[in-house]
């Protein structure tokens, strides 16, 4: 089953990254014709290669050569007489090949030849290395039509093994708009299509880097919307006819072993998708009864894989040096805070990877265990069995730890054990659901923590958010005017009392900040270059991926003194700024000046 994505561009400003630009270079098309082909593909829900062949009479071979020049690998056309490499295909299924869009063609002394529609993406996923771990890989590219021909040739069928495209899966459903309130039996054929549809939705979400899948039914004859949260923003995916609402919800419940008859209470579960499809991923599922007698479903795709290196988190050099210095201490308490989905677990595991050496014993208590690392002893919290965070932490203290990581500190008992552990010679890392670094300290004091013990234990607090990253392929440079730079400077100085007001001292402080920006970010002519979102076929309205914004407050003597005195948030904030802390917005503005994101995005995720 192959989802068709139309590729778009913007007017006559063709981007050099466009896969088909070589067709314009070779005069097979004009730039305007290629633009029309993009728009036609988008409007008709067709693949652009189909439009190029049918409407513009571009030969498939020319499209293949254009792809080869873009990906810098050879073009491999369809060969009717090609021998089927049975020894390479014995562990692969047609559905898996079509979903992942790669296929082994042959293996000789030079290595394994792999055919792919997007060699860069497949190579980066390293999935081929996992399937063929002992092979040296050589890559080639082909067109979509020729890829389908080759799959049909190797697997002996012209029928799509997974129900072809989403449009074909839904075509048999779209004619039935009866009231979804009545529980109506569905035919075996439709049930099979629903199974394929759910699998397709999950696989598309995983391939697109989606964090959450939202299934949102409307009561009565309303259709069921499926939306993806991609780079922090919800985007529409497809709509399902009302008559198949209950069957769709039931299918998801079956996959995560929930009670299909219970529709009045929220339920939580987990899907191990490897049982149902070719991807080895896990999803956390929540069902919630909503108005009109329907149930909403939200599926969180749990991140899997190796921990990111500390210097790949997007932490500014100023903060990175302070962060390493804090966690290099042999004992103490370090918090990472932020709302749900702000990357706290990713950051904690990066810190653990930095600390993970052969002479260090590291225990972690997590719910769930998302990222695994060799050398870590990881414990899955199971509240139903009485294994909560506090219980696990008490067990850790008897297990000779050097470093303890706690997935979440939400109650007085867990925090108390964490402080006790840090004061008895252990380094403790934990997360909190708070908005800023100074607020975290006040929240913990409000829980009833002893301020003197807490002050002795505290190493630091890292607050973070995720902001959308500008697409590196299409972001548009421009020179900001004086008013825009003045606005940037004003927002940067909002929490700096010495840089506010009309006095000469405040003016000098602002001037010094601006001079520092020029030294770090301006060109040789002293002018700044910022970037704005444009949008292209490779991104989501000008954004692709996310970048962390960080607010690091170190437990200095000044901070510890205020903590013992139960200082207010404003007092702690002022002291932390004096010690070199950057607020979330200040860190975001630094990344605006670096061209990583834009001010609008920073404002969306920062309160102040």
Protein backbone atom coordinates (compact mmCIF):
# COMPACT_ATOMS: atom_id res chain seq x y z
CA UNK A 1 0.00 0.00 0.00
CA UNK A 2 1.67 3.15 -1.14
CA UNK A 3 0.67 6.59 0.10
CA UNK A 4 0.99 9.23 -2.60
CA UNK A 5 2.45 12.55 -1.58
CA UNK A 6 2.33 15.42 -3.99
CA UNK A 7 5.43 17.54 -4.09
CA UNK A 8 4.98 21.29 -4.19
CA UNK A 9 7.08 24.34 -4.87
CA UNK A 10 6.58 28.04 -4.74
CA UNK A 11 6.29 30.06 -7.94
CA UNK A 12 9.34 30.37 -10.15
CA UNK A 13 11.78 30.12 -7.25
CA UNK A 14 12.87 26.53 -7.92
CA UNK A 15 15.03 24.99 -5.23
CA UNK A 16 18.26 23.23 -6.12
CA UNK A 17 17.26 20.28 -3.93
CA UNK A 18 14.20 19.44 -6.09
CA UNK A 19 14.55 15.85 -7.20
CA UNK A 20 13.44 16.60 -10.73
CA UNK A 21 15.41 19.79 -11.36
CA UNK A 22 17.65 17.98 -13.86
CA UNK A 23 14.63 17.77 -16.20
CA UNK A 24 14.68 21.57 -16.37
CA UNK A 25 18.47 21.68 -16.69
CA UNK A 26 18.31 19.23 -19.62
CA UNK A 27 15.51 21.27 -21.26
CA UNK A 28 12.99 18.43 -21.11
CA UNK A 29 10.68 20.79 -19.22
CA UNK A 30 10.57 24.46 -18.43
CA UNK A 31 10.56 25.62 -14.82
CA UNK A 32 6.96 26.75 -15.26
CA UNK A 33 5.93 23.31 -16.57
CA UNK A 34 7.57 21.56 -13.65
CA UNK A 35 5.73 23.91 -11.33
CA UNK A 36 2.43 23.09 -13.07
CA UNK A 37 3.19 19.39 -12.70
CA UNK A 38 3.70 19.85 -8.94
CA UNK A 39 0.37 21.65 -8.60
CA UNK A 40 -1.47 19.12 -10.77
CA UNK A 41 -0.11 16.21 -8.74
CA UNK A 42 -1.18 17.91 -5.52
CA UNK A 43 -4.65 18.75 -6.81
CA UNK A 44 -5.34 15.29 -8.28
CA UNK A 45 -3.73 13.29 -5.43
CA UNK A 46 -1.35 11.73 -7.93
CA UNK A 47 2.33 11.04 -7.80
CA UNK A 48 4.24 13.73 -9.69
CA UNK A 49 6.00 11.10 -11.82
CA UNK A 50 2.60 9.96 -13.15
CA UNK A 51 1.78 13.55 -14.10
CA UNK A 52 5.17 14.05 -15.78
CA UNK A 53 4.70 10.89 -17.88
CA UNK A 54 0.99 11.27 -18.74
CA UNK A 55 0.60 15.03 -19.13
CA UNK A 56 4.08 16.16 -20.16
CA UNK A 57 5.28 13.04 -22.01
CA UNK A 58 8.54 12.85 -20.06
CA UNK A 59 10.17 9.42 -20.55
CA UNK A 60 10.62 7.29 -17.43
CA UNK A 61 14.31 6.96 -18.26
CA UNK A 62 14.72 10.74 -18.12
CA UNK A 63 12.99 10.87 -14.72
CA UNK A 64 15.27 8.07 -13.51
CA UNK A 65 18.38 9.91 -14.68
CA UNK A 66 17.19 13.07 -12.90
CA UNK A 67 16.76 11.09 -9.66
CA UNK A 68 20.22 9.57 -10.12
CA UNK A 69 21.80 13.02 -10.41
CA UNK A 70 19.90 14.23 -7.35
CA UNK A 71 20.79 11.26 -5.12
CA UNK A 72 24.24 10.75 -6.72
CA UNK A 73 23.71 7.02 -7.25
CA UNK A 74 23.17 5.04 -10.50
CA UNK A 75 19.74 4.76 -12.10
CA UNK A 76 18.46 1.18 -12.41
CA UNK A 77 15.61 0.78 -14.94
CA UNK A 78 13.13 -2.09 -14.88
CA UNK A 79 14.61 -5.19 -16.55
CA UNK A 80 11.94 -7.69 -17.75
CA UNK A 81 14.40 -10.60 -17.81
CA UNK A 82 15.91 -10.02 -14.37
CA UNK A 83 16.43 -13.17 -12.30
CA UNK A 84 14.63 -13.25 -8.96
CA UNK A 85 17.23 -13.31 -6.12
CA UNK A 86 15.38 -15.83 -3.96
CA UNK A 87 18.18 -16.11 -1.39
CA UNK A 88 17.91 -12.35 -0.72
CA UNK A 89 14.10 -12.28 -0.58
CA UNK A 90 13.45 -15.25 1.71
CA UNK A 91 13.02 -13.00 4.79
CA UNK A 92 11.17 -10.16 3.01
CA UNK A 93 7.49 -9.79 2.20
CA UNK A 94 5.94 -7.71 -0.56
CA UNK A 95 4.06 -5.51 1.93
CA UNK A 96 7.27 -4.75 3.84
CA UNK A 97 9.15 -3.91 0.64
CA UNK A 98 6.43 -1.55 -0.57
CA UNK A 99 6.08 0.18 2.79
CA UNK A 100 9.83 0.74 3.22
CA UNK A 101 10.51 1.37 -0.48
CA UNK A 102 13.72 -0.62 -0.91
CA UNK A 103 14.51 -3.97 -2.52
CA UNK A 104 17.70 -6.08 -2.81
CA UNK A 105 18.47 -6.83 -6.47
CA UNK A 106 21.66 -8.88 -6.46
CA UNK A 107 24.79 -9.66 -4.49
CA UNK A 108 28.24 -10.31 -5.88
CA UNK A 109 31.86 -9.78 -4.85
CA UNK A 110 31.35 -6.01 -4.99
CA UNK A 111 28.52 -6.08 -2.47
CA UNK A 112 24.72 -6.09 -2.19
CA UNK A 113 22.92 -3.92 -4.76
CA UNK A 114 19.90 -2.21 -3.16
CA UNK A 115 17.19 -0.52 -5.20
CA UNK A 116 15.41 2.36 -3.45
CA UNK A 117 13.07 5.24 -4.22
CA UNK A 118 14.89 7.46 -1.73
CA UNK A 119 18.39 6.04 -1.10
CA UNK A 120 19.28 8.84 1.35
CA UNK A 121 16.35 8.11 3.67
CA UNK A 122 16.76 4.33 3.55
CA UNK A 123 20.51 4.59 4.10
CA UNK A 124 20.00 6.90 7.10
CA UNK A 125 17.46 4.50 8.67
CA UNK A 126 20.11 1.70 8.62
CA UNK A 127 17.32 -0.84 8.25
CA UNK A 128 19.10 -2.57 5.34
CA UNK A 129 22.23 -2.96 7.50
CA UNK A 130 20.07 -4.69 10.12
CA UNK A 131 18.51 -7.09 7.58
CA UNK A 132 21.84 -7.78 5.83
CA UNK A 133 24.44 -7.12 8.56
CA UNK A 134 27.35 -8.82 6.78
CA UNK A 135 26.89 -7.22 3.36
CA UNK A 136 28.63 -4.24 1.82
CA UNK A 137 25.85 -2.07 0.39
CA UNK A 138 25.71 -0.41 -3.02
CA UNK A 139 22.73 1.82 -3.84
CA UNK A 140 20.73 2.59 -6.95
CA UNK A 141 17.54 4.54 -7.60
CA UNK A 142 14.54 4.07 -9.85
CA UNK A 143 11.15 5.59 -10.59
CA UNK A 144 8.02 4.67 -8.68
CA UNK A 145 6.45 2.90 -11.67
CA UNK A 146 9.56 0.81 -12.28
CA UNK A 147 9.89 0.03 -8.58
CA UNK A 148 6.34 -1.35 -8.57
CA UNK A 149 7.12 -3.39 -11.69
CA UNK A 150 10.19 -4.88 -10.04
CA UNK A 151 8.26 -5.75 -6.86
CA UNK A 152 5.55 -7.43 -8.94
CA UNK A 153 8.23 -9.27 -10.92
CA UNK A 154 9.95 -10.61 -7.79
CA UNK A 155 6.86 -11.43 -5.72
CA UNK A 156 4.72 -12.78 -8.53
CA UNK A 157 1.62 -10.58 -8.23
CA UNK A 158 0.31 -7.43 -9.82
CA UNK A 159 -2.09 -6.88 -6.94
CA UNK A 160 -0.77 -4.73 -4.15
CA UNK A 161 -0.16 -6.99 -1.20
CA UNK A 162 -1.45 -4.43 1.28
CA UNK A 163 -4.48 -3.05 -0.49
CA UNK A 164 -2.55 -0.60 -2.73
CA UNK A 165 -3.09 3.00 -1.69
CA UNK A 166 -5.18 4.61 1.02
CA UNK A 167 -7.54 5.85 -1.66
CA UNK A 168 -8.15 2.27 -2.79
CA UNK A 169 -8.61 1.04 0.78
CA UNK A 170 -11.18 3.76 1.40
CA UNK A 171 -12.91 3.56 -1.98
CA UNK A 172 -15.11 0.69 -0.82
CA UNK A 173 -16.02 2.56 2.34
CA UNK A 174 -16.73 6.02 0.99
CA UNK A 175 -20.17 5.13 -0.39
CA UNK A 176 -21.60 4.13 2.99
CA UNK A 177 -22.44 7.18 5.10
CA UNK A 178 -24.98 5.56 7.37
CA UNK A 179 -25.25 6.59 11.00
CA UNK A 180 -22.22 5.28 12.87
CA UNK A 181 -24.17 5.04 16.15
CA UNK A 182 -25.62 1.67 15.27
CA UNK A 183 -23.11 -1.12 15.68
CA UNK A 184 -23.32 -2.80 12.30
CA UNK A 185 -21.38 -5.91 11.31
CA UNK A 186 -18.80 -5.35 8.61
CA UNK A 187 -17.96 -7.86 5.94
CA UNK A 188 -14.80 -9.92 6.15
CA UNK A 189 -13.39 -8.03 3.16
CA UNK A 190 -13.98 -4.66 4.79
CA UNK A 191 -12.55 -5.94 8.07
CA UNK A 192 -9.41 -6.98 6.25
CA UNK A 193 -9.17 -3.55 4.68
CA UNK A 194 -9.55 -1.93 8.12
CA UNK A 195 -6.67 -4.02 9.45
CA UNK A 196 -4.54 -2.87 6.52
CA UNK A 197 -5.68 0.71 7.03
CA UNK A 198 -4.64 0.82 10.70
CA UNK A 199 -1.28 -0.74 9.82
CA UNK A 200 -0.83 1.78 7.03
CA UNK A 201 -1.63 4.72 9.30
CA UNK A 202 0.93 3.58 11.88
CA UNK A 203 3.63 2.87 9.31
CA UNK A 204 3.12 6.20 7.54
CA UNK A 205 3.27 8.00 10.88
CA UNK A 206 6.51 6.27 11.83
CA UNK A 207 8.10 6.97 8.45
CA UNK A 208 7.13 10.67 8.61
CA UNK A 209 8.60 11.15 12.09
CA UNK A 210 5.19 11.72 13.69
CA UNK A 211 5.01 11.81 17.51
CA UNK A 212 1.25 11.24 17.99
CA UNK A 213 -1.67 9.84 15.99
CA UNK A 214 -5.09 11.34 16.82
CA UNK A 215 -8.27 9.46 15.86
CA UNK A 216 -11.19 11.87 16.32
CA UNK A 217 -14.71 10.59 15.50
CA UNK A 218 -17.73 12.87 15.20
CA UNK A 219 -21.15 11.66 16.43
CA UNK A 220 -23.98 10.74 14.10
CA UNK A 221 -23.06 10.81 10.42
CA UNK A 222 -19.85 12.74 11.03
CA UNK A 223 -16.71 11.23 9.61
CA UNK A 224 -13.74 10.16 11.71
CA UNK A 225 -10.70 12.38 11.27
CA UNK A 226 -7.17 11.05 11.65
CA UNK A 227 -4.50 13.67 12.31
CA UNK A 228 -0.75 13.46 12.86
CA UNK A 229 1.28 15.60 15.26
CA UNK A 230 4.35 16.37 13.19
CA UNK A 231 7.09 18.72 14.42
CA UNK A 232 4.76 19.82 17.21
CA UNK A 233 1.82 20.79 14.94
CA UNK A 234 -1.28 18.74 14.07
CA UNK A 235 -1.76 18.07 10.35
CA UNK A 236 -4.73 16.28 8.70
CA UNK A 237 -4.11 12.77 7.37
CA UNK A 238 -7.38 11.15 6.20
CA UNK A 239 -11.11 10.94 7.06
CA UNK A 240 -12.94 7.63 7.59
CA UNK A 241 -16.69 7.15 6.87
CA UNK A 242 -18.93 7.16 9.96
CA UNK A 243 -20.16 3.60 9.42
CA UNK A 244 -16.68 2.19 10.07
CA UNK A 245 -15.99 4.23 13.21
CA UNK A 246 -16.72 1.44 15.71
CA UNK A 247 -14.81 -1.18 13.75
CA UNK A 248 -11.78 1.12 13.56
CA UNK A 249 -11.80 1.78 17.32
CA UNK A 250 -12.30 -1.92 18.03
CA UNK A 251 -9.32 -2.82 15.85
CA UNK A 252 -7.02 -0.49 17.76
CA UNK A 253 -8.32 -1.85 21.09
CA UNK A 254 -7.65 -5.41 19.96
CA UNK A 255 -4.08 -4.49 19.03
CA UNK A 256 -3.37 -3.22 22.56
CA UNK A 257 -5.43 -5.83 24.47
CA UNK A 258 -8.10 -3.44 25.76
CA UNK A 259 -11.73 -4.26 26.55
CA UNK A 260 -13.60 -3.71 23.29
CA UNK A 261 -16.98 -3.67 25.07
CA UNK A 262 -16.05 -0.85 27.48
CA UNK A 263 -16.92 2.47 25.87
CA UNK A 264 -17.76 4.58 28.93
CA UNK A 265 -14.38 4.73 30.69
CA UNK A 266 -10.91 5.82 29.54
CA UNK A 267 -8.48 2.97 28.90
CA UNK A 268 -4.71 2.84 28.45
CA UNK A 269 -2.67 0.25 26.64
CA UNK A 270 0.37 -0.40 24.50
CA UNK A 271 0.80 -1.77 20.97
CA UNK A 272 3.89 -3.79 20.10
CA UNK A 273 3.57 -3.25 16.38
CA UNK A 274 6.08 -5.94 15.44
CA UNK A 275 3.26 -8.48 15.93
CA UNK A 276 1.17 -6.78 13.23
CA UNK A 277 3.61 -5.21 10.77
CA UNK A 278 7.21 -4.99 9.65
CA UNK A 279 8.26 -2.13 11.97
CA UNK A 280 9.68 -2.83 15.42
CA UNK A 281 8.05 0.09 17.24
CA UNK A 282 5.83 0.52 20.29
CA UNK A 283 2.85 2.83 20.69
CA UNK A 284 1.22 4.04 23.90
CA UNK A 285 -2.56 4.16 23.40
CA UNK A 286 -5.18 6.15 25.31
CA UNK A 287 -8.91 5.89 24.60
CA UNK A 288 -11.19 8.66 25.92
CA UNK A 289 -15.03 8.70 25.73
CA UNK A 290 -16.16 12.01 24.22
CA UNK A 291 -19.46 13.79 23.61
CA UNK A 292 -22.00 11.99 21.44
CA UNK A 293 -21.17 8.47 22.61
CA UNK A 294 -17.95 8.19 20.60
CA UNK A 295 -14.38 7.40 21.66
CA UNK A 296 -11.28 9.37 20.79
CA UNK A 297 -7.95 7.54 20.50
CA UNK A 298 -4.49 9.04 20.81
CA UNK A 299 -1.46 6.88 20.00
CA UNK A 300 1.98 8.09 21.05
CA UNK A 301 4.84 6.55 19.05
CA UNK A 302 7.52 5.80 21.62
CA UNK A 303 10.98 6.83 20.45
CA UNK A 304 13.31 3.90 20.06
CA UNK A 305 16.95 3.54 19.24
CA UNK A 306 20.21 4.83 20.61
CA UNK A 307 20.69 7.89 22.78
CA UNK A 308 21.74 11.12 21.11
CA UNK A 309 25.20 12.46 21.82
CA UNK A 310 25.21 15.41 24.21
CA UNK A 311 26.63 17.77 21.58
CA UNK A 312 23.80 16.86 19.17
CA UNK A 313 21.03 18.16 21.43
CA UNK A 314 21.32 21.71 20.09
CA UNK A 315 22.60 23.10 23.40
CA UNK A 316 24.52 26.36 22.89
CA UNK A 317 28.27 26.10 23.64
CA UNK A 318 27.84 28.44 26.63
CA UNK A 319 25.25 26.12 28.17
CA UNK A 320 26.95 22.89 27.09
CA UNK A 321 30.11 23.65 29.08
CA UNK A 322 28.05 24.51 32.18
CA UNK A 323 25.89 21.39 31.74
CA UNK A 324 28.90 19.06 31.51
CA UNK A 325 30.48 20.70 34.53
CA UNK A 326 27.29 20.12 36.57
CA UNK A 327 26.83 16.42 35.78
CA UNK A 328 30.55 15.67 36.14
CA UNK A 329 30.10 16.04 39.90
CA UNK A 330 30.31 12.70 41.76
CA UNK A 331 27.05 13.24 43.68
CA UNK A 332 24.08 15.59 43.75
CA UNK A 333 20.65 16.12 42.22
CA UNK A 334 20.06 17.35 38.68
CA UNK A 335 16.60 17.96 37.18
CA UNK A 336 15.36 18.21 33.60
CA UNK A 337 11.96 19.92 33.47
CA UNK A 338 9.37 20.81 30.90
CA UNK A 339 5.88 19.85 29.71
CA UNK A 340 4.94 16.51 28.21
CA UNK A 341 6.62 15.98 24.84
CA UNK A 342 9.41 18.51 25.38
CA UNK A 343 12.24 15.99 25.00
CA UNK A 344 13.09 15.44 28.67
CA UNK A 345 13.71 11.70 28.28
CA UNK A 346 15.92 12.27 25.25
CA UNK A 347 18.02 14.78 27.18
CA UNK A 348 18.30 12.52 30.23
CA UNK A 349 19.53 9.63 28.10
CA UNK A 350 22.06 11.90 26.40
CA UNK A 351 23.38 12.79 29.84
CA UNK A 352 23.48 9.10 30.78
CA UNK A 353 25.36 8.28 27.57
CA UNK A 354 27.90 10.95 28.51
CA UNK A 355 28.27 9.42 32.01
CA UNK A 356 28.12 5.78 30.87
CA UNK A 357 31.64 4.40 31.30
CA UNK A 358 32.81 0.85 32.15
CA UNK A 359 33.64 1.88 35.74
CA UNK A 360 30.17 3.39 36.46
CA UNK A 361 27.04 1.57 37.63
CA UNK A 362 23.87 3.28 36.37
CA UNK A 363 20.33 2.33 37.40
CA UNK A 364 17.24 3.83 35.76
CA UNK A 365 13.55 3.71 36.73
CA UNK A 366 11.33 4.56 33.75
CA UNK A 367 7.70 4.40 32.69
CA UNK A 368 8.00 3.25 29.98
CA UNK A 369 11.55 2.26 29.00
CA UNK A 370 11.84 4.07 25.65
CA UNK A 371 15.57 4.31 24.91
CA UNK A 372 17.92 1.45 25.74
CA UNK A 373 21.66 1.73 26.24
CA UNK A 374 24.28 -0.94 26.72
CA UNK A 375 25.69 -0.73 30.24
CA UNK A 376 22.54 0.68 31.84
CA UNK A 377 20.40 -1.39 34.21
CA UNK A 378 16.88 -0.24 33.32
CA UNK A 379 13.75 -0.99 35.34
CA UNK A 380 10.20 -0.66 34.00
CA UNK A 381 7.79 0.80 36.57
CA UNK A 382 4.66 -1.33 37.04
CA UNK A 383 2.18 0.38 39.36
CA UNK A 384 -0.38 -2.44 39.08
CA UNK A 385 2.19 -4.78 40.60
CA UNK A 386 3.14 -2.27 43.29
CA UNK A 387 6.40 -1.31 41.61
CA UNK A 388 6.28 2.50 41.62
CA UNK A 389 9.12 5.02 41.40
CA UNK A 390 9.59 5.26 45.19
CA UNK A 391 9.78 1.48 45.59
CA UNK A 392 12.30 1.14 42.77
CA UNK A 393 14.46 3.95 44.15
CA UNK A 394 14.61 2.35 47.61
CA UNK A 395 15.76 -0.86 45.92
CA UNK A 396 18.41 1.05 43.96
CA UNK A 397 19.98 2.34 47.18
CA UNK A 398 20.76 -1.28 48.12
CA UNK A 399 22.17 -2.08 44.67
CA UNK A 400 25.50 -0.18 44.83
CA UNK A 401 24.67 2.56 42.28
CA UNK A 402 26.91 5.38 41.08
CA UNK A 403 24.21 7.13 39.04
CA UNK A 404 20.42 6.87 39.42
CA UNK A 405 17.96 8.17 36.82
CA UNK A 406 14.30 8.55 37.77
CA UNK A 407 11.83 9.00 34.94
CA UNK A 408 9.56 11.27 36.97
CA UNK A 409 9.47 12.81 40.44
CA UNK A 410 5.87 13.75 41.13
CA UNK A 411 5.37 13.10 44.85
CA UNK A 412 7.03 13.99 48.14
CA UNK A 413 8.22 10.44 48.85
CA UNK A 414 10.10 10.05 45.56
CA UNK A 415 11.73 13.48 45.82
CA UNK A 416 12.72 12.78 49.42
CA UNK A 417 14.41 9.51 48.46
CA UNK A 418 16.16 11.30 45.59
CA UNK A 419 17.57 13.95 47.95
CA UNK A 420 18.63 11.26 50.40
CA UNK A 421 20.40 9.32 47.63
CA UNK A 422 22.22 12.41 46.38
CA UNK A 423 23.42 13.26 49.90
CA UNK A 424 24.78 9.75 50.42
CA UNK A 425 27.20 9.84 47.50
CA UNK A 426 25.08 9.20 44.38
CA UNK A 427 24.41 11.28 41.30
CA UNK A 428 20.63 11.45 40.77
CA UNK A 429 19.02 12.64 37.51
CA UNK A 430 15.27 13.15 37.31
CA UNK A 431 12.48 14.92 35.42
CA UNK A 432 9.82 17.36 36.59
CA UNK A 433 6.71 18.74 34.89
CA UNK A 434 7.36 22.44 35.53
CA UNK A 435 7.57 25.49 33.29
CA UNK A 436 10.94 27.02 34.14
CA UNK A 437 14.09 26.30 36.13
CA UNK A 438 13.36 28.72 39.04
CA UNK A 439 9.76 27.48 39.30
CA UNK A 440 11.04 23.92 39.73
CA UNK A 441 12.84 24.83 42.93
CA UNK A 442 9.80 26.56 44.40
CA UNK A 443 7.59 23.60 43.40
CA UNK A 444 9.88 21.17 45.25
CA UNK A 445 9.96 23.36 48.34
CA UNK A 446 6.17 23.50 48.27
CA UNK A 447 6.16 19.69 48.34
CA UNK A 448 7.65 19.94 51.83
CA UNK A 449 11.33 19.34 51.07
CA UNK A 450 13.80 20.50 53.70
CA UNK A 451 15.41 23.60 52.13
CA UNK A 452 18.84 22.95 53.69
CA UNK A 453 19.11 19.34 52.49
CA UNK A 454 17.71 20.32 49.10
CA UNK A 455 20.23 23.17 48.76
CA UNK A 456 23.12 20.83 49.62
CA UNK A 457 21.97 18.29 47.03
CA UNK A 458 21.09 20.60 44.11
CA UNK A 459 23.47 20.61 41.12
CA UNK A 460 21.20 22.32 38.62
CA UNK A 461 17.92 22.45 36.73
CA UNK A 462 17.57 22.34 32.94
CA UNK A 463 14.23 23.57 31.59
CA UNK A 464 13.57 22.92 27.92
CA UNK A 465 11.08 23.24 25.09
CA UNK A 466 11.03 22.00 21.50
CA UNK A 467 10.63 24.63 18.78
CA UNK A 468 10.07 23.90 15.11
CA UNK A 469 13.27 23.98 13.07
CA UNK A 470 13.35 25.85 9.76
CA UNK A 471 13.70 23.54 6.76
CA UNK A 472 17.33 23.63 5.71
CA UNK A 473 16.41 23.09 2.07
CA UNK A 474 14.05 26.01 1.54
CA UNK A 475 14.50 28.55 4.36
CA UNK A 476 14.76 32.00 2.87
CA UNK A 477 17.49 34.43 3.99
CA UNK A 478 16.77 38.12 4.46
CA UNK A 479 18.29 41.14 6.14
CA UNK A 480 16.22 42.43 9.07
CA UNK A 481 15.67 46.17 9.36
CA UNK A 482 16.49 48.25 12.43
CA UNK A 483 12.98 47.94 13.84
CA UNK A 484 13.09 44.14 13.75
CA UNK A 485 16.49 44.00 15.44
CA UNK A 486 15.25 46.46 18.07
CA UNK A 487 12.27 44.17 18.73
CA UNK A 488 14.58 41.16 19.06
CA UNK A 489 16.77 43.06 21.49
CA UNK A 490 13.76 44.25 23.54
CA UNK A 491 12.41 40.70 23.91
CA UNK A 492 15.87 39.39 24.79
CA UNK A 493 16.22 42.02 27.53
CA UNK A 494 12.74 41.50 28.99
CA UNK A 495 14.13 39.63 32.02
CA UNK A 496 17.31 41.71 32.38
CA UNK A 497 16.56 44.61 34.75
CA UNK A 498 19.89 46.31 34.09
CA UNK A 499 19.11 46.49 30.33
CA UNK A 500 15.63 48.02 30.71
CA UNK A 501 14.59 51.64 30.92
CA UNK A 502 15.82 54.85 29.34
CA UNK A 503 18.92 55.46 31.47
CA UNK A 504 22.47 55.52 30.17
CA UNK A 505 23.40 52.33 32.05
CA UNK A 506 20.53 50.41 30.40
CA UNK A 507 21.48 51.80 26.98
CA UNK A 508 25.09 50.70 27.50
CA UNK A 509 23.92 47.20 28.49
CA UNK A 510 21.78 46.90 25.37
CA UNK A 511 24.63 48.21 23.23
CA UNK A 512 27.00 45.64 24.72
CA UNK A 513 24.50 42.86 23.96
CA UNK A 514 24.13 44.05 20.37
CA UNK A 515 27.91 44.19 19.96
CA UNK A 516 28.13 40.63 21.23
CA UNK A 517 25.52 39.54 18.68
CA UNK A 518 27.48 41.23 15.89
CA UNK A 519 30.65 39.43 16.95
CA UNK A 520 28.95 36.02 17.04
CA UNK A 521 26.31 36.22 14.32
CA UNK A 522 26.78 39.14 11.90
CA UNK A 523 28.63 39.03 8.60
CA UNK A 524 31.88 40.80 7.85
CA UNK A 525 29.89 43.93 6.90
CA UNK A 526 28.24 44.00 10.33
CA UNK A 527 24.77 43.14 9.00
CA UNK A 528 22.64 40.29 10.34
CA UNK A 529 21.06 37.60 8.17
CA UNK A 530 17.89 35.97 9.46
CA UNK A 531 15.76 33.31 7.83
CA UNK A 532 12.03 32.87 7.25
CA UNK A 533 9.93 29.79 6.45
CA UNK A 534 8.95 29.22 2.81
CA UNK A 535 7.75 25.67 2.28
CA UNK A 536 8.78 22.98 -0.18
CA UNK A 537 8.13 19.35 -1.03
CA UNK A 538 10.53 18.17 1.67
CA UNK A 539 9.00 19.92 4.70
CA UNK A 540 5.83 20.92 6.54
CA UNK A 541 5.07 24.56 5.61
CA UNK A 542 8.70 25.61 5.91
CA UNK A 543 9.61 23.60 9.00
CA UNK A 544 11.30 20.24 9.31
CA UNK A 545 12.26 18.70 12.65
CA UNK A 546 12.59 20.46 15.98
CA UNK A 547 15.32 22.09 18.02
CA UNK A 548 15.62 22.33 21.78
CA UNK A 549 15.46 25.61 23.68
CA UNK A 550 17.25 25.39 27.02
CA UNK A 551 17.26 27.28 30.31
CA UNK A 552 20.05 26.02 32.56
CA UNK A 553 20.19 27.15 36.17
CA UNK A 554 23.25 25.90 38.06
CA UNK A 555 23.13 25.38 41.82
CA UNK A 556 25.66 28.08 42.68
CA UNK A 557 26.31 29.31 46.22
CA UNK A 558 24.05 32.29 45.54
CA UNK A 559 21.17 30.07 44.38
CA UNK A 560 21.63 27.69 47.33
CA UNK A 561 21.53 30.60 49.78
CA UNK A 562 18.24 31.82 48.30
CA UNK A 563 16.88 28.29 48.36
CA UNK A 564 17.63 28.00 52.08
CA UNK A 565 15.85 31.32 52.57
CA UNK A 566 12.87 30.06 50.51
CA UNK A 567 13.37 32.80 47.95
CA UNK A 568 10.60 33.70 45.52
CA UNK A 569 10.68 32.80 41.84
CA UNK A 570 11.53 36.36 40.76
CA UNK A 571 14.47 36.50 43.19
CA UNK A 572 15.79 33.13 42.02
CA UNK A 573 15.42 34.19 38.38
CA UNK A 574 17.39 37.41 38.93
CA UNK A 575 20.16 35.53 40.75
CA UNK A 576 20.34 32.85 38.04
CA UNK A 577 20.60 35.50 35.29
CA UNK A 578 23.47 37.11 37.20
CA UNK A 579 25.15 33.68 37.28
CA UNK A 580 24.99 33.39 33.48
CA UNK A 581 21.67 31.66 32.86
CA UNK A 582 19.82 32.28 29.59
CA UNK A 583 16.02 32.09 29.77
CA UNK A 584 14.15 29.93 27.26
CA UNK A 585 13.34 32.96 25.13
CA UNK A 586 16.91 34.28 25.26
CA UNK A 587 18.19 30.88 24.14
CA UNK A 588 15.55 30.85 21.39
CA UNK A 589 16.58 34.29 20.13
CA UNK A 590 20.20 33.12 19.96
CA UNK A 591 18.97 30.29 17.72
CA UNK A 592 16.98 32.76 15.62
CA UNK A 593 20.22 34.66 15.03
CA UNK A 594 21.93 31.38 14.12
CA UNK A 595 19.26 30.75 11.44
CA UNK A 596 17.93 27.59 13.10
CA UNK A 597 14.39 28.81 13.81
CA UNK A 598 12.35 32.04 13.70
CA UNK A 599 11.00 34.40 16.35
CA UNK A 600 7.36 33.45 15.71
CA UNK A 601 8.13 29.83 16.60
CA UNK A 602 10.09 30.85 19.70
CA UNK A 603 7.17 32.95 20.90
CA UNK A 604 4.81 29.99 20.47
CA UNK A 605 6.71 27.83 22.97
CA UNK A 606 7.96 30.45 25.45
CA UNK A 607 5.60 32.08 27.94
CA UNK A 608 7.82 35.04 28.68
